[in-house]
N, C-alpha and C. Protein backbone atom coordinates (compact mmCIF):
# COMPACT_ATOMS: atom_id res chain seq x y z
N UNK A 1 -12.23 84.79 -43.20
CA UNK A 1 -11.40 84.62 -42.03
C UNK A 1 -11.42 83.17 -41.57
N UNK A 2 -10.25 82.68 -41.20
CA UNK A 2 -10.13 81.32 -40.68
C UNK A 2 -9.24 81.34 -39.44
N UNK A 3 -9.71 80.77 -38.35
CA UNK A 3 -8.88 80.58 -37.16
C UNK A 3 -8.23 79.21 -37.31
N UNK A 4 -6.94 79.21 -37.62
CA UNK A 4 -6.25 77.94 -37.84
C UNK A 4 -6.22 77.13 -36.54
N UNK A 5 -6.19 75.82 -36.71
CA UNK A 5 -6.32 74.91 -35.57
C UNK A 5 -5.25 75.14 -34.52
N UNK A 6 -4.06 75.57 -34.92
CA UNK A 6 -2.99 75.72 -33.93
C UNK A 6 -3.21 76.91 -33.01
N UNK A 7 -4.14 77.79 -33.34
CA UNK A 7 -4.42 78.95 -32.51
C UNK A 7 -5.60 78.70 -31.58
N UNK A 8 -5.63 77.51 -31.02
CA UNK A 8 -6.74 77.12 -30.14
C UNK A 8 -6.55 77.69 -28.74
N UNK A 9 -7.66 77.76 -28.03
CA UNK A 9 -7.66 78.03 -26.59
C UNK A 9 -8.10 76.74 -25.92
N UNK A 10 -9.37 76.67 -25.45
CA UNK A 10 -9.90 75.38 -25.05
C UNK A 10 -9.87 74.42 -26.24
N UNK A 11 -9.76 73.16 -25.96
CA UNK A 11 -9.69 72.17 -27.03
C UNK A 11 -10.88 72.31 -27.98
N UNK A 12 -10.58 72.44 -29.27
CA UNK A 12 -11.63 72.47 -30.28
C UNK A 12 -12.14 73.84 -30.65
N UNK A 13 -11.64 74.90 -30.01
CA UNK A 13 -12.10 76.25 -30.35
C UNK A 13 -10.93 77.22 -30.30
N UNK A 14 -11.09 78.36 -30.93
CA UNK A 14 -10.02 79.33 -31.02
C UNK A 14 -9.74 80.03 -29.71
N UNK A 15 -8.47 80.38 -29.50
CA UNK A 15 -8.14 81.23 -28.36
C UNK A 15 -8.92 82.52 -28.49
N UNK A 16 -9.51 82.98 -27.38
CA UNK A 16 -10.39 84.15 -27.46
C UNK A 16 -9.68 85.40 -27.93
N UNK A 17 -8.48 85.66 -27.38
CA UNK A 17 -7.76 86.86 -27.76
C UNK A 17 -7.28 86.82 -29.20
N UNK A 18 -6.73 85.69 -29.61
CA UNK A 18 -6.28 85.56 -31.00
C UNK A 18 -7.45 85.74 -31.95
N UNK A 19 -8.55 85.05 -31.67
CA UNK A 19 -9.72 85.14 -32.55
C UNK A 19 -10.24 86.56 -32.61
N UNK A 20 -10.35 87.23 -31.46
CA UNK A 20 -10.82 88.60 -31.43
C UNK A 20 -9.91 89.51 -32.24
N UNK A 21 -8.59 89.26 -32.18
CA UNK A 21 -7.66 90.05 -32.96
C UNK A 21 -7.83 89.86 -34.46
N UNK A 22 -8.06 88.63 -34.87
CA UNK A 22 -8.33 88.36 -36.29
C UNK A 22 -9.59 89.10 -36.74
N UNK A 23 -10.62 89.04 -35.91
CA UNK A 23 -11.87 89.72 -36.24
C UNK A 23 -11.68 91.23 -36.29
N UNK A 24 -10.95 91.77 -35.30
CA UNK A 24 -10.75 93.22 -35.24
C UNK A 24 -9.95 93.72 -36.43
N UNK A 25 -8.93 92.95 -36.84
CA UNK A 25 -8.15 93.37 -38.00
C UNK A 25 -9.00 93.38 -39.26
N UNK A 26 -9.87 92.39 -39.40
CA UNK A 26 -10.76 92.35 -40.55
C UNK A 26 -11.78 93.49 -40.51
N UNK A 27 -12.17 93.88 -39.32
CA UNK A 27 -13.13 94.98 -39.15
C UNK A 27 -12.56 96.28 -39.71
N UNK A 28 -11.28 96.50 -39.47
CA UNK A 28 -10.56 97.55 -40.16
C UNK A 28 -10.85 98.98 -39.78
N UNK A 29 -11.40 99.23 -38.60
CA UNK A 29 -11.66 100.61 -38.19
C UNK A 29 -10.49 101.12 -37.36
N UNK A 30 -10.19 102.41 -37.41
CA UNK A 30 -9.10 102.94 -36.57
C UNK A 30 -9.53 103.02 -35.11
N UNK A 31 -8.55 102.95 -34.23
CA UNK A 31 -8.84 103.08 -32.80
C UNK A 31 -9.25 101.78 -32.17
N UNK A 32 -9.66 101.84 -30.89
CA UNK A 32 -10.02 100.63 -30.16
C UNK A 32 -11.25 99.93 -30.75
N UNK A 33 -11.26 98.62 -30.61
CA UNK A 33 -12.39 97.80 -31.06
C UNK A 33 -12.81 96.89 -29.92
N UNK A 34 -14.11 96.81 -29.71
CA UNK A 34 -14.68 95.89 -28.72
C UNK A 34 -15.19 94.65 -29.44
N UNK A 35 -14.78 93.49 -28.95
CA UNK A 35 -15.22 92.22 -29.52
C UNK A 35 -15.93 91.42 -28.44
N UNK A 36 -17.17 91.08 -28.69
CA UNK A 36 -17.95 90.23 -27.78
C UNK A 36 -18.09 88.86 -28.41
N UNK A 37 -17.61 87.85 -27.72
CA UNK A 37 -17.69 86.48 -28.24
C UNK A 37 -19.02 85.87 -27.83
N UNK A 38 -19.80 85.48 -28.82
CA UNK A 38 -21.11 84.88 -28.56
C UNK A 38 -21.07 83.36 -28.54
N UNK A 39 -20.13 82.79 -29.25
CA UNK A 39 -19.94 81.34 -29.29
C UNK A 39 -18.43 81.07 -29.35
N UNK A 40 -18.01 79.87 -28.95
CA UNK A 40 -16.59 79.54 -29.11
C UNK A 40 -16.20 79.61 -30.59
N UNK A 41 -15.15 80.35 -30.93
CA UNK A 41 -14.76 80.46 -32.35
C UNK A 41 -14.35 79.10 -32.90
N UNK A 42 -14.97 78.66 -33.97
CA UNK A 42 -14.62 77.35 -34.54
C UNK A 42 -13.27 77.42 -35.25
N UNK A 43 -12.59 76.27 -35.30
CA UNK A 43 -11.28 76.19 -35.93
C UNK A 43 -11.40 75.70 -37.37
N UNK A 44 -10.46 76.18 -38.20
CA UNK A 44 -10.38 75.75 -39.60
C UNK A 44 -11.73 75.84 -40.31
N UNK A 45 -12.43 76.92 -40.04
CA UNK A 45 -13.77 77.13 -40.60
C UNK A 45 -13.83 78.53 -41.20
N UNK A 46 -14.35 78.64 -42.40
CA UNK A 46 -14.48 79.95 -43.05
C UNK A 46 -15.55 80.77 -42.33
N UNK A 47 -15.16 81.93 -41.82
CA UNK A 47 -16.07 82.81 -41.11
C UNK A 47 -16.23 84.10 -41.90
N UNK A 48 -17.42 84.69 -41.83
CA UNK A 48 -17.70 85.91 -42.57
C UNK A 48 -18.03 87.05 -41.62
N UNK A 49 -17.49 88.24 -41.91
CA UNK A 49 -17.78 89.44 -41.13
C UNK A 49 -18.74 90.32 -41.93
N UNK A 50 -19.93 90.50 -41.40
CA UNK A 50 -20.96 91.30 -42.09
C UNK A 50 -21.61 92.24 -41.08
N UNK A 51 -21.50 93.54 -41.34
CA UNK A 51 -22.16 94.55 -40.50
C UNK A 51 -21.80 94.38 -39.01
N UNK A 52 -20.52 94.15 -38.76
CA UNK A 52 -20.07 94.06 -37.38
C UNK A 52 -20.35 92.75 -36.70
N UNK A 53 -20.78 91.75 -37.43
CA UNK A 53 -21.02 90.43 -36.86
C UNK A 53 -20.23 89.37 -37.61
N UNK A 54 -19.64 88.45 -36.85
CA UNK A 54 -18.93 87.32 -37.44
C UNK A 54 -19.87 86.12 -37.44
N UNK A 55 -20.05 85.53 -38.61
CA UNK A 55 -20.96 84.39 -38.77
C UNK A 55 -20.19 83.16 -39.21
N UNK A 56 -20.65 81.98 -38.76
CA UNK A 56 -20.12 80.73 -39.29
C UNK A 56 -20.91 80.36 -40.55
N UNK A 57 -20.53 79.29 -41.25
CA UNK A 57 -21.23 78.95 -42.50
C UNK A 57 -22.73 78.69 -42.34
N UNK A 58 -23.14 78.30 -41.13
CA UNK A 58 -24.58 78.05 -40.90
C UNK A 58 -25.33 79.32 -40.54
N UNK A 59 -24.63 80.44 -40.40
CA UNK A 59 -25.27 81.70 -40.08
C UNK A 59 -25.29 82.06 -38.61
N UNK A 60 -24.76 81.18 -37.76
CA UNK A 60 -24.72 81.48 -36.32
C UNK A 60 -23.75 82.62 -36.06
N UNK A 61 -24.11 83.49 -35.12
CA UNK A 61 -23.26 84.63 -34.77
C UNK A 61 -22.17 84.15 -33.80
N UNK A 62 -20.93 84.31 -34.22
CA UNK A 62 -19.78 83.92 -33.39
C UNK A 62 -19.32 85.09 -32.54
N UNK A 63 -19.34 86.29 -33.11
CA UNK A 63 -18.86 87.47 -32.39
C UNK A 63 -19.52 88.73 -32.92
N UNK A 64 -19.56 89.73 -32.08
CA UNK A 64 -20.04 91.06 -32.47
C UNK A 64 -18.94 92.08 -32.21
N UNK A 65 -18.79 93.04 -33.13
CA UNK A 65 -17.73 94.03 -33.02
C UNK A 65 -18.30 95.44 -33.11
N UNK A 66 -17.64 96.36 -32.41
CA UNK A 66 -17.96 97.77 -32.56
C UNK A 66 -16.75 98.60 -32.18
N UNK A 67 -16.64 99.75 -32.79
CA UNK A 67 -15.56 100.66 -32.44
C UNK A 67 -15.92 101.39 -31.15
N UNK A 68 -14.91 101.76 -30.37
CA UNK A 68 -15.12 102.43 -29.10
C UNK A 68 -14.18 103.63 -28.99
N UNK A 69 -14.41 104.43 -27.96
CA UNK A 69 -13.55 105.58 -27.73
C UNK A 69 -12.21 105.14 -27.14
N UNK A 70 -11.13 105.87 -27.43
CA UNK A 70 -9.83 105.56 -26.80
C UNK A 70 -9.92 105.62 -25.28
N UNK A 71 -9.10 104.82 -24.62
CA UNK A 71 -9.10 104.80 -23.16
C UNK A 71 -7.66 104.83 -22.66
N UNK A 72 -7.50 105.31 -21.42
CA UNK A 72 -6.17 105.55 -20.86
C UNK A 72 -5.74 104.51 -19.83
N UNK A 73 -6.64 103.64 -19.39
CA UNK A 73 -6.31 102.71 -18.32
C UNK A 73 -5.18 101.77 -18.72
N UNK A 74 -4.18 101.65 -17.86
CA UNK A 74 -3.09 100.71 -18.08
C UNK A 74 -2.81 99.96 -16.78
N UNK A 75 -2.20 98.80 -16.92
CA UNK A 75 -1.65 98.08 -15.78
C UNK A 75 -0.16 98.42 -15.75
N UNK A 76 0.34 98.98 -14.65
CA UNK A 76 1.73 99.43 -14.62
C UNK A 76 2.70 98.31 -14.98
N UNK A 77 3.82 98.66 -15.61
CA UNK A 77 4.78 97.64 -16.02
C UNK A 77 5.68 97.19 -14.87
N UNK A 78 6.40 96.12 -15.11
CA UNK A 78 7.50 95.68 -14.25
C UNK A 78 8.69 95.40 -15.16
N UNK A 79 9.87 95.30 -14.58
CA UNK A 79 11.03 94.99 -15.41
C UNK A 79 11.03 93.51 -15.77
N UNK A 80 11.88 93.17 -16.73
CA UNK A 80 11.89 91.81 -17.25
C UNK A 80 12.25 90.79 -16.18
N UNK A 81 13.18 91.12 -15.30
CA UNK A 81 13.58 90.19 -14.24
C UNK A 81 12.41 89.89 -13.31
N UNK A 82 11.63 90.91 -12.98
CA UNK A 82 10.47 90.72 -12.11
C UNK A 82 9.42 89.87 -12.80
N UNK A 83 9.22 90.11 -14.10
CA UNK A 83 8.25 89.32 -14.87
C UNK A 83 8.68 87.85 -14.92
N UNK A 84 9.96 87.62 -15.10
CA UNK A 84 10.45 86.24 -15.14
C UNK A 84 10.26 85.55 -13.79
N UNK A 85 10.53 86.26 -12.72
CA UNK A 85 10.35 85.68 -11.39
C UNK A 85 8.88 85.35 -11.13
N UNK A 86 7.99 86.24 -11.52
CA UNK A 86 6.56 85.97 -11.36
C UNK A 86 6.14 84.76 -12.19
N UNK A 87 6.65 84.68 -13.41
CA UNK A 87 6.28 83.60 -14.31
C UNK A 87 6.70 82.24 -13.78
N UNK A 88 7.77 82.20 -13.00
CA UNK A 88 8.22 80.93 -12.42
C UNK A 88 7.19 80.35 -11.46
N UNK A 89 6.30 81.23 -10.92
CA UNK A 89 5.26 80.79 -10.00
C UNK A 89 3.89 80.70 -10.70
N UNK A 90 3.90 80.61 -12.01
CA UNK A 90 2.66 80.52 -12.80
C UNK A 90 1.82 79.33 -12.34
N UNK A 91 0.59 79.56 -11.87
CA UNK A 91 -0.23 78.44 -11.38
C UNK A 91 -0.53 77.40 -12.45
N UNK A 92 -0.54 77.82 -13.72
CA UNK A 92 -0.84 76.90 -14.80
C UNK A 92 0.20 75.83 -15.02
N UNK A 93 1.37 76.00 -14.44
CA UNK A 93 2.39 74.95 -14.53
C UNK A 93 2.02 73.75 -13.67
N UNK A 94 1.17 73.98 -12.67
CA UNK A 94 0.74 72.91 -11.76
C UNK A 94 -0.61 72.35 -12.17
N UNK A 95 -1.55 73.23 -12.46
CA UNK A 95 -2.90 72.83 -12.89
C UNK A 95 -3.41 73.85 -13.88
N UNK A 96 -3.81 73.39 -15.05
CA UNK A 96 -4.25 74.30 -16.11
C UNK A 96 -5.53 73.74 -16.72
N UNK A 97 -6.61 74.56 -16.81
CA UNK A 97 -7.85 74.04 -17.39
C UNK A 97 -7.74 73.77 -18.89
N UNK A 98 -6.80 74.45 -19.56
CA UNK A 98 -6.63 74.29 -21.00
C UNK A 98 -5.14 74.21 -21.33
N UNK A 99 -4.48 73.11 -20.99
CA UNK A 99 -3.02 73.05 -21.08
C UNK A 99 -2.46 73.19 -22.48
N UNK A 100 -3.30 73.02 -23.50
CA UNK A 100 -2.84 73.15 -24.88
C UNK A 100 -3.19 74.50 -25.49
N UNK A 101 -3.58 75.48 -24.66
CA UNK A 101 -3.88 76.82 -25.16
C UNK A 101 -2.66 77.39 -25.87
N UNK A 102 -2.87 77.97 -27.05
CA UNK A 102 -1.78 78.54 -27.83
C UNK A 102 -1.05 79.64 -27.08
N UNK A 103 -1.76 80.39 -26.25
CA UNK A 103 -1.15 81.55 -25.58
C UNK A 103 -0.46 81.16 -24.29
N UNK A 104 -1.16 80.46 -23.40
CA UNK A 104 -0.64 80.24 -22.05
C UNK A 104 -0.51 78.78 -21.66
N UNK A 105 -0.68 77.86 -22.60
CA UNK A 105 -0.64 76.45 -22.27
C UNK A 105 0.77 75.91 -22.15
N UNK A 106 1.12 75.31 -21.01
CA UNK A 106 2.45 74.73 -20.85
C UNK A 106 2.70 73.54 -21.76
N UNK A 107 1.62 72.98 -22.32
CA UNK A 107 1.77 71.85 -23.21
C UNK A 107 2.09 72.22 -24.65
N UNK A 108 2.22 73.52 -24.92
CA UNK A 108 2.44 73.99 -26.29
C UNK A 108 3.85 74.54 -26.48
N UNK A 109 4.74 73.70 -26.96
CA UNK A 109 6.10 74.16 -27.24
C UNK A 109 6.11 75.18 -28.37
N UNK A 110 5.08 75.15 -29.23
CA UNK A 110 5.02 76.05 -30.38
C UNK A 110 4.11 77.24 -30.12
N UNK A 111 3.68 77.45 -28.89
CA UNK A 111 2.78 78.56 -28.57
C UNK A 111 3.54 79.80 -28.12
N UNK A 112 2.79 80.80 -27.69
CA UNK A 112 3.41 82.02 -27.19
C UNK A 112 4.06 81.80 -25.82
N UNK A 113 3.59 80.83 -25.08
CA UNK A 113 4.16 80.46 -23.78
C UNK A 113 4.23 81.67 -22.84
N UNK A 114 3.13 82.37 -22.75
CA UNK A 114 2.98 83.45 -21.79
C UNK A 114 2.45 82.84 -20.50
N UNK A 115 3.28 82.86 -19.46
CA UNK A 115 2.94 82.21 -18.21
C UNK A 115 2.80 83.27 -17.11
N UNK A 116 1.60 83.85 -16.96
CA UNK A 116 1.43 84.96 -16.01
C UNK A 116 1.41 84.48 -14.56
N UNK A 117 2.37 84.93 -13.80
CA UNK A 117 2.44 84.59 -12.40
C UNK A 117 2.07 85.77 -11.52
N UNK A 118 1.79 85.52 -10.25
CA UNK A 118 1.31 86.58 -9.35
C UNK A 118 2.43 87.50 -8.88
N UNK A 119 2.10 88.77 -8.74
CA UNK A 119 2.94 89.75 -8.08
C UNK A 119 2.39 90.00 -6.68
N UNK A 120 3.18 90.52 -5.77
CA UNK A 120 2.70 90.73 -4.40
C UNK A 120 1.49 91.64 -4.29
N UNK A 121 1.32 92.56 -5.24
CA UNK A 121 0.20 93.50 -5.16
C UNK A 121 -1.06 92.99 -5.86
N UNK A 122 -1.07 91.74 -6.30
CA UNK A 122 -2.26 91.16 -6.92
C UNK A 122 -2.26 91.18 -8.43
N UNK A 123 -1.33 91.90 -9.03
CA UNK A 123 -1.22 91.87 -10.48
C UNK A 123 -0.61 90.54 -10.95
N UNK A 124 -0.70 90.29 -12.25
CA UNK A 124 0.07 89.21 -12.86
C UNK A 124 1.11 89.83 -13.78
N UNK A 125 2.16 89.08 -14.04
CA UNK A 125 3.18 89.54 -14.98
C UNK A 125 3.83 88.34 -15.64
N UNK A 126 4.27 88.55 -16.86
CA UNK A 126 4.95 87.48 -17.60
C UNK A 126 5.79 88.09 -18.71
N UNK A 127 6.89 87.44 -19.05
CA UNK A 127 7.61 87.85 -20.25
C UNK A 127 6.95 87.26 -21.49
N UNK A 128 7.16 87.92 -22.59
CA UNK A 128 6.72 87.43 -23.89
C UNK A 128 7.85 87.64 -24.88
N UNK A 129 8.34 86.57 -25.46
CA UNK A 129 9.28 86.69 -26.57
C UNK A 129 8.48 86.69 -27.85
N UNK A 130 8.49 87.83 -28.54
CA UNK A 130 7.67 87.96 -29.75
C UNK A 130 8.11 86.94 -30.79
N UNK A 131 7.15 86.26 -31.42
CA UNK A 131 7.50 85.23 -32.40
C UNK A 131 8.07 85.84 -33.68
N UNK A 132 8.50 84.98 -34.58
CA UNK A 132 9.09 85.44 -35.84
C UNK A 132 8.08 86.22 -36.68
N UNK A 133 6.84 85.83 -36.60
CA UNK A 133 5.79 86.54 -37.32
C UNK A 133 4.86 87.18 -36.30
N UNK A 134 4.81 88.50 -36.33
CA UNK A 134 3.99 89.26 -35.38
C UNK A 134 2.87 89.93 -36.14
N UNK A 135 1.65 89.80 -35.62
CA UNK A 135 0.48 90.41 -36.26
C UNK A 135 -0.37 91.09 -35.19
N UNK A 136 -1.41 91.75 -35.64
CA UNK A 136 -2.38 92.32 -34.71
C UNK A 136 -2.94 91.23 -33.79
N UNK A 137 -3.21 90.07 -34.36
CA UNK A 137 -3.77 88.98 -33.56
C UNK A 137 -2.79 88.53 -32.47
N UNK A 138 -1.48 88.60 -32.75
CA UNK A 138 -0.49 88.24 -31.74
C UNK A 138 -0.63 89.14 -30.51
N UNK A 139 -0.80 90.43 -30.75
CA UNK A 139 -0.93 91.38 -29.65
C UNK A 139 -2.22 91.15 -28.88
N UNK A 140 -3.32 90.96 -29.58
CA UNK A 140 -4.59 90.68 -28.89
C UNK A 140 -4.48 89.42 -28.07
N UNK A 141 -3.81 88.40 -28.59
CA UNK A 141 -3.63 87.16 -27.84
C UNK A 141 -2.82 87.39 -26.58
N UNK A 142 -1.77 88.21 -26.70
CA UNK A 142 -0.93 88.51 -25.53
C UNK A 142 -1.69 89.27 -24.46
N UNK A 143 -2.70 90.05 -24.87
CA UNK A 143 -3.50 90.82 -23.93
C UNK A 143 -4.62 90.00 -23.30
N UNK A 144 -4.79 88.78 -23.75
CA UNK A 144 -5.92 87.95 -23.33
C UNK A 144 -5.64 87.21 -22.02
N UNK A 145 -4.85 86.16 -22.07
CA UNK A 145 -4.70 85.24 -20.94
C UNK A 145 -4.15 85.88 -19.66
N UNK A 146 -3.22 86.84 -19.72
CA UNK A 146 -2.75 87.43 -18.46
C UNK A 146 -3.86 88.09 -17.64
N UNK A 147 -4.93 88.53 -18.30
CA UNK A 147 -6.08 89.03 -17.55
C UNK A 147 -6.85 87.90 -16.91
N UNK A 148 -7.02 86.81 -17.65
CA UNK A 148 -7.73 85.67 -17.10
C UNK A 148 -7.04 85.09 -15.88
N UNK A 149 -5.71 85.02 -15.94
CA UNK A 149 -4.96 84.45 -14.81
C UNK A 149 -4.91 85.38 -13.61
N UNK A 150 -5.39 86.60 -13.77
CA UNK A 150 -5.53 87.49 -12.61
C UNK A 150 -6.75 87.12 -11.78
N UNK A 151 -7.68 86.34 -12.36
CA UNK A 151 -8.91 86.00 -11.65
C UNK A 151 -9.11 84.49 -11.50
N UNK A 152 -8.42 83.68 -12.31
CA UNK A 152 -8.59 82.23 -12.25
C UNK A 152 -8.21 81.69 -10.87
N UNK A 153 -9.02 80.77 -10.39
CA UNK A 153 -8.71 80.08 -9.14
C UNK A 153 -8.84 78.58 -9.38
N UNK A 154 -8.22 77.81 -8.53
CA UNK A 154 -8.24 76.35 -8.67
C UNK A 154 -9.68 75.84 -8.70
N UNK A 155 -9.98 75.07 -9.72
CA UNK A 155 -11.30 74.47 -9.82
C UNK A 155 -12.38 75.37 -10.38
N UNK A 156 -12.04 76.64 -10.74
CA UNK A 156 -13.05 77.53 -11.31
C UNK A 156 -12.48 78.23 -12.54
N UNK A 157 -12.52 77.56 -13.70
CA UNK A 157 -12.00 78.18 -14.90
C UNK A 157 -12.92 79.29 -15.41
N UNK A 158 -12.32 80.25 -16.07
CA UNK A 158 -13.05 81.35 -16.70
C UNK A 158 -12.79 81.32 -18.20
N UNK A 159 -13.71 81.88 -18.96
CA UNK A 159 -13.54 82.04 -20.40
C UNK A 159 -13.75 83.50 -20.77
N UNK A 160 -13.03 83.95 -21.79
CA UNK A 160 -13.17 85.32 -22.25
C UNK A 160 -14.55 85.54 -22.85
N UNK A 161 -15.21 86.61 -22.40
CA UNK A 161 -16.51 86.96 -22.95
C UNK A 161 -16.45 88.18 -23.85
N UNK A 162 -15.68 89.17 -23.43
CA UNK A 162 -15.58 90.42 -24.20
C UNK A 162 -14.20 91.02 -23.96
N UNK A 163 -13.63 91.59 -25.02
CA UNK A 163 -12.34 92.26 -24.89
C UNK A 163 -12.31 93.48 -25.80
N UNK A 164 -11.78 94.56 -25.26
CA UNK A 164 -11.58 95.79 -26.02
C UNK A 164 -10.09 96.11 -25.96
N UNK A 165 -9.46 96.22 -27.12
CA UNK A 165 -8.02 96.45 -27.17
C UNK A 165 -7.70 97.71 -27.95
N UNK A 166 -6.64 98.34 -27.52
CA UNK A 166 -6.11 99.54 -28.17
C UNK A 166 -4.63 99.29 -28.41
N UNK A 167 -4.26 99.14 -29.68
CA UNK A 167 -2.89 98.79 -30.06
C UNK A 167 -2.16 100.02 -30.56
N UNK A 168 -1.05 100.34 -29.90
CA UNK A 168 -0.23 101.48 -30.31
C UNK A 168 0.82 101.07 -31.33
N UNK A 169 1.42 99.91 -31.12
CA UNK A 169 2.48 99.43 -32.01
C UNK A 169 2.66 97.94 -31.81
N UNK A 170 3.25 97.28 -32.80
CA UNK A 170 3.55 95.86 -32.69
C UNK A 170 4.97 95.67 -32.16
N UNK A 171 5.19 94.62 -31.37
CA UNK A 171 6.57 94.31 -31.00
C UNK A 171 7.34 93.81 -32.22
N UNK A 172 8.64 93.94 -32.18
CA UNK A 172 9.47 93.41 -33.25
C UNK A 172 9.74 91.93 -32.99
N UNK A 173 9.85 91.12 -34.03
CA UNK A 173 10.15 89.71 -33.81
C UNK A 173 11.38 89.54 -32.94
N UNK A 174 11.26 88.67 -31.95
CA UNK A 174 12.36 88.40 -31.03
C UNK A 174 12.44 89.32 -29.83
N UNK A 175 11.64 90.39 -29.81
CA UNK A 175 11.65 91.30 -28.67
C UNK A 175 11.25 90.58 -27.39
N UNK A 176 11.94 90.89 -26.29
CA UNK A 176 11.57 90.39 -24.97
C UNK A 176 10.65 91.42 -24.32
N UNK A 177 9.37 91.18 -24.42
CA UNK A 177 8.37 92.12 -23.91
C UNK A 177 7.87 91.67 -22.54
N UNK A 178 7.07 92.51 -21.92
CA UNK A 178 6.45 92.20 -20.63
C UNK A 178 4.97 92.50 -20.73
N UNK A 179 4.15 91.59 -20.23
CA UNK A 179 2.71 91.80 -20.17
C UNK A 179 2.26 91.72 -18.72
N UNK A 180 1.37 92.64 -18.34
CA UNK A 180 0.85 92.68 -16.97
C UNK A 180 -0.67 92.63 -17.00
N UNK A 181 -1.26 92.10 -15.93
CA UNK A 181 -2.71 92.01 -15.84
C UNK A 181 -3.18 92.27 -14.42
N UNK A 182 -4.46 92.63 -14.28
CA UNK A 182 -5.03 92.86 -12.96
C UNK A 182 -6.54 92.70 -13.03
N UNK A 183 -7.12 92.23 -11.93
CA UNK A 183 -8.58 92.19 -11.79
C UNK A 183 -9.04 93.52 -11.20
N UNK A 184 -10.07 94.10 -11.80
CA UNK A 184 -10.57 95.39 -11.28
C UNK A 184 -11.94 95.24 -10.64
N UNK A 185 -12.56 94.06 -10.73
CA UNK A 185 -13.84 93.86 -10.07
C UNK A 185 -14.49 92.56 -10.48
N UNK A 186 -15.34 92.04 -9.62
CA UNK A 186 -16.11 90.83 -9.93
C UNK A 186 -17.56 91.05 -9.54
N UNK A 187 -18.44 90.42 -10.30
CA UNK A 187 -19.87 90.47 -10.00
C UNK A 187 -20.49 89.17 -10.46
N UNK A 188 -20.88 88.34 -9.50
CA UNK A 188 -21.41 87.03 -9.86
C UNK A 188 -20.38 86.21 -10.60
N UNK A 189 -20.75 85.76 -11.79
CA UNK A 189 -19.85 84.94 -12.61
C UNK A 189 -18.92 85.78 -13.45
N UNK A 190 -19.07 87.10 -13.44
CA UNK A 190 -18.28 87.97 -14.32
C UNK A 190 -17.12 88.61 -13.56
N UNK A 191 -15.99 88.72 -14.25
CA UNK A 191 -14.82 89.41 -13.71
C UNK A 191 -14.33 90.42 -14.74
N UNK A 192 -14.03 91.62 -14.28
CA UNK A 192 -13.47 92.66 -15.14
C UNK A 192 -11.97 92.73 -14.91
N UNK A 193 -11.21 92.70 -16.00
CA UNK A 193 -9.75 92.70 -15.90
C UNK A 193 -9.16 93.71 -16.87
N UNK A 194 -7.91 94.07 -16.63
CA UNK A 194 -7.14 94.92 -17.54
C UNK A 194 -5.81 94.25 -17.82
N UNK A 195 -5.26 94.52 -18.99
CA UNK A 195 -3.93 94.02 -19.34
C UNK A 195 -3.19 95.09 -20.13
N UNK A 196 -1.86 95.04 -20.06
CA UNK A 196 -1.03 95.96 -20.83
C UNK A 196 0.22 95.22 -21.31
N UNK A 197 0.67 95.58 -22.51
CA UNK A 197 1.85 94.97 -23.12
C UNK A 197 2.90 96.05 -23.32
N UNK A 198 4.13 95.75 -22.88
CA UNK A 198 5.22 96.73 -22.93
C UNK A 198 6.40 96.21 -23.74
N UNK A 199 7.02 97.12 -24.48
CA UNK A 199 8.21 96.81 -25.25
C UNK A 199 9.42 96.66 -24.34
N UNK A 200 10.54 96.14 -24.85
CA UNK A 200 11.74 96.00 -24.00
C UNK A 200 12.21 97.30 -23.37
N UNK A 201 11.96 98.43 -24.03
CA UNK A 201 12.37 99.71 -23.45
C UNK A 201 11.35 100.29 -22.49
N UNK A 202 10.28 99.55 -22.20
CA UNK A 202 9.26 100.01 -21.27
C UNK A 202 8.14 100.81 -21.88
N UNK A 203 8.22 101.07 -23.18
CA UNK A 203 7.15 101.82 -23.83
C UNK A 203 5.91 100.94 -24.00
N UNK A 204 4.74 101.55 -23.84
CA UNK A 204 3.48 100.83 -23.96
C UNK A 204 3.21 100.48 -25.42
N UNK A 205 2.96 99.20 -25.67
CA UNK A 205 2.60 98.73 -27.01
C UNK A 205 1.08 98.61 -27.19
N UNK A 206 0.40 98.14 -26.16
CA UNK A 206 -1.04 97.91 -26.28
C UNK A 206 -1.65 97.76 -24.90
N UNK A 207 -2.95 97.99 -24.84
CA UNK A 207 -3.69 97.86 -23.59
C UNK A 207 -5.06 97.27 -23.90
N UNK A 208 -5.68 96.68 -22.89
CA UNK A 208 -7.01 96.09 -23.09
C UNK A 208 -7.76 96.06 -21.78
N UNK A 209 -9.07 96.05 -21.89
CA UNK A 209 -9.91 95.65 -20.76
C UNK A 209 -10.88 94.59 -21.25
N UNK A 210 -11.24 93.71 -20.35
CA UNK A 210 -11.99 92.53 -20.77
C UNK A 210 -12.93 92.05 -19.68
N UNK A 211 -13.91 91.27 -20.09
CA UNK A 211 -14.82 90.59 -19.17
C UNK A 211 -14.63 89.09 -19.35
N UNK A 212 -14.36 88.42 -18.25
CA UNK A 212 -14.23 86.97 -18.23
C UNK A 212 -15.43 86.39 -17.47
N UNK A 213 -15.87 85.22 -17.89
CA UNK A 213 -17.06 84.61 -17.32
C UNK A 213 -16.72 83.21 -16.80
N UNK A 214 -17.06 82.96 -15.53
CA UNK A 214 -16.79 81.66 -14.92
C UNK A 214 -17.66 80.60 -15.58
N UNK A 215 -17.09 79.44 -15.79
CA UNK A 215 -17.84 78.34 -16.40
C UNK A 215 -18.77 77.70 -15.40
């Protein structure tokens, strides 16, 4: 497994959701998979998955994986117009801790450009135009940042620590999808969030819950 350099999150390391999706696909078990990131995923580096652990060439553990039971929690959808309106107020357009993030960085013309903005009830929402090539990692990436932006505040960036995703189907290339996120609790430096990805017809494509950790 290799996390290509263009799929970065913070500068110099892989986007957490994309990397977790690559690891989960390689893990190859049916149903939801939990991925715990132990170190920032290195870019352009051959990684090995052995007994549920991802190792770098030096043997350091990058991530741990395990299968989990299916879960029903979702973040309710909104229509595309509402998602677009929320996205126009995306805080990351003004100040972003990782402006070159492949998923949500405004500095990436070649990224997914998911810009989760606030809804009145505290959720986030954003449109996602599925790229020409859609993979499991694309969906995991889409489920990542909208959860983080449900808890991010000015001057206090968070990083993904753990994510569990359940993928029902992939979007079709070019589909105008909607992703929603919400914070469900905080404790110290940790925040628990949920995200959901919906197809243009409103059908659920994937859901996730995750733990983000303040830096």
